[in-house]
Amino acid sequence: MGDRYADIGVIRRLLTESKTWAFVGLRNNPGRTAYDMAELLKARGKRIVPVHPDAEDVLGEPGYTALDEVPFPVDVVGVYRRSAHAGAVVDEAMRAGAGAVWLPLDVIDEVAARRAADAGLDVVMNRCPAIEWAKLDLPR
């Protein structure tokens, strides 16, 4: 895989210029990585959108059962599902008109990432938003 989907310019732009992040797989469970990342990005001024079949409210934001139910544009879709399910989420993100997909650490689907990139989406894969934020020394 290498660093094909870890372009520092794309990472910087998504972390600094995006406004709305949908977190697919986000539940109201502080013990999960998706919750930690949503909390971090919300604290950094991002609007977070929980997407999970249970449609739970998380961090004061209403939940949705699927991306196509979100009634406003989403800049970045965080794919907080196992790699085996990532392709379906990437396809859903493309249908929903998202501008980017972010697959966190250990969520890897080369075929889906290529599909998204070929469709014009920015793609980050196998990277953690918190680690990248710190590496880029972005404002807190």
Protein backbone atom coordinates (compact mmCIF):
# COMPACT_ATOMS: atom_id res chain seq x y z
CA MET A 1 0.00 0.00 0.00
CA GLY A 2 2.75 2.46 0.83
CA ASP A 3 1.71 6.04 1.32
CA ARG A 4 -0.48 6.39 -1.76
CA TYR A 5 -3.46 7.45 0.35
CA ALA A 6 -1.49 9.47 2.89
CA ASP A 7 -0.75 12.64 0.95
CA ILE A 8 0.24 15.23 3.55
CA GLY A 9 -1.36 18.04 1.55
CA VAL A 10 -4.68 16.22 1.41
CA ILE A 11 -4.47 15.35 5.11
CA ARG A 12 -3.70 18.95 6.06
CA ARG A 13 -6.53 20.28 3.89
CA LEU A 14 -9.09 17.83 5.26
CA LEU A 15 -8.12 18.55 8.85
CA THR A 16 -8.01 22.32 8.45
CA GLU A 17 -10.54 23.25 5.76
CA SER A 18 -13.35 20.72 6.15
CA LYS A 19 -16.34 21.62 8.26
CA THR A 20 -18.54 18.51 8.50
CA TRP A 21 -17.39 14.95 9.22
CA ALA A 22 -19.77 11.99 9.16
CA PHE A 23 -18.52 9.11 11.29
CA VAL A 24 -19.90 5.83 9.99
CA GLY A 25 -19.90 3.38 12.88
CA LEU A 26 -20.09 6.07 15.60
CA ARG A 27 -22.11 5.13 18.67
CA ASN A 28 -22.45 6.79 22.04
CA ASN A 29 -19.64 4.66 23.48
CA PRO A 30 -16.63 6.57 24.86
CA GLY A 31 -14.61 3.35 24.83
CA ARG A 32 -14.48 3.26 21.03
CA THR A 33 -11.96 4.93 18.72
CA ALA A 34 -14.69 6.51 16.59
CA TYR A 35 -16.01 8.30 19.68
CA ASP A 36 -12.54 9.59 20.57
CA MET A 37 -11.94 10.90 17.04
CA ALA A 38 -15.37 12.51 16.84
CA GLU A 39 -14.81 14.16 20.21
CA LEU A 40 -11.39 15.43 19.14
CA LEU A 41 -12.61 16.86 15.83
CA LYS A 42 -15.67 18.42 17.46
CA ALA A 43 -13.35 20.11 19.97
CA ARG A 44 -11.37 21.41 16.96
CA GLY A 45 -14.50 23.05 15.54
CA LYS A 46 -15.82 20.36 13.20
CA ARG A 47 -19.47 19.43 12.98
CA ILE A 48 -19.72 15.71 13.57
CA VAL A 49 -22.47 13.48 12.24
CA PRO A 50 -23.01 10.07 13.86
CA VAL A 51 -24.03 7.40 11.33
CA HIS A 52 -24.97 4.01 12.72
CA PRO A 53 -27.98 1.68 12.35
CA ASP A 54 -29.02 2.60 15.92
CA ALA A 55 -29.05 6.35 15.03
CA GLU A 56 -27.91 7.32 18.51
CA ASP A 57 -27.28 10.94 19.43
CA VAL A 58 -23.56 11.34 20.13
CA LEU A 59 -21.74 14.32 21.65
CA GLY A 60 -24.94 16.37 21.38
CA GLU A 61 -25.38 15.64 17.65
CA PRO A 62 -28.35 13.73 16.21
CA GLY A 63 -27.60 10.34 14.72
CA TYR A 64 -28.64 8.95 11.35
CA THR A 65 -29.02 5.33 10.28
CA ALA A 66 -27.29 5.88 6.91
CA LEU A 67 -25.36 8.55 5.02
CA ASP A 68 -28.21 9.08 2.57
CA GLU A 69 -30.39 10.23 5.46
CA VAL A 70 -28.10 13.14 6.37
CA PRO A 71 -30.00 16.23 5.13
CA PHE A 72 -26.96 18.46 4.57
CA PRO A 73 -23.61 18.19 2.78
CA VAL A 74 -20.79 16.19 4.34
CA ASP A 75 -17.18 17.09 3.61
CA VAL A 76 -15.48 13.97 4.96
CA VAL A 77 -16.79 10.49 5.73
CA GLY A 78 -14.81 8.69 8.42
CA VAL A 79 -15.09 4.93 7.84
CA TYR A 80 -15.09 3.49 11.35
CA ARG A 81 -16.02 -0.03 10.30
CA ARG A 82 -13.90 -3.11 9.75
CA SER A 83 -12.04 -3.33 6.45
CA ALA A 84 -14.48 -5.97 5.20
CA HIS A 85 -17.26 -3.34 5.32
CA ALA A 86 -15.23 -0.34 4.16
CA GLY A 87 -16.03 -0.74 0.46
CA ALA A 88 -19.78 -0.49 1.05
CA VAL A 89 -19.29 2.64 3.17
CA VAL A 90 -17.04 4.21 0.53
CA ASP A 91 -19.71 3.53 -2.11
CA GLU A 92 -22.34 5.09 0.14
CA ALA A 93 -20.11 8.15 0.63
CA MET A 94 -19.75 8.55 -3.14
CA ARG A 95 -23.54 8.28 -3.64
CA ALA A 96 -24.09 10.83 -0.86
CA GLY A 97 -21.81 13.35 -2.57
CA ALA A 98 -19.09 13.47 0.09
CA GLY A 99 -15.88 15.20 -0.89
CA ALA A 100 -13.56 12.79 0.89
CA VAL A 101 -13.28 9.50 2.72
CA TRP A 102 -10.95 8.86 5.63
CA LEU A 103 -10.20 5.25 6.53
CA PRO A 104 -8.48 5.18 9.94
CA LEU A 105 -5.66 2.98 11.16
CA ASP A 106 -6.00 -0.66 10.13
CA VAL A 107 -9.07 0.00 7.95
CA ILE A 108 -7.69 -0.85 4.54
CA ASP A 109 -9.50 -1.45 1.26
CA GLU A 110 -7.28 -0.65 -1.73
CA VAL A 111 -10.02 -1.35 -4.28
CA ALA A 112 -12.54 0.95 -2.57
CA ALA A 113 -9.92 3.66 -2.10
CA ARG A 114 -9.06 3.53 -5.80
CA ARG A 115 -12.77 3.64 -6.70
CA ALA A 116 -13.24 6.75 -4.56
CA ALA A 117 -10.13 8.45 -5.92
CA ASP A 118 -11.18 7.65 -9.50
CA ALA A 119 -14.55 9.25 -8.73
CA GLY A 120 -12.78 12.45 -7.63
CA LEU A 121 -12.93 12.08 -3.86
CA ASP A 122 -9.96 12.80 -1.65
CA VAL A 123 -8.88 9.60 0.08
CA VAL A 124 -6.87 9.08 3.26
CA MET A 125 -6.31 5.50 4.38
CA ASN A 126 -4.64 3.85 7.35
CA ARG A 127 -4.12 7.15 9.14
CA CYS A 128 -5.41 8.48 12.46
CA PRO A 129 -6.80 12.04 12.54
CA ALA A 130 -5.40 12.64 16.04
CA ILE A 131 -1.90 11.47 15.11
CA GLU A 132 -1.93 13.49 11.89
CA TRP A 133 -3.19 16.59 13.72
CA ALA A 134 -0.28 16.32 16.17
CA LYS A 135 2.29 15.57 13.45
CA LEU A 136 1.21 18.65 11.52
CA ASP A 137 1.29 20.69 14.74
CA LEU A 138 -2.12 22.15 13.97
CA PRO A 139 -3.82 24.50 16.44
CA ARG A 140 -5.82 22.95 19.20
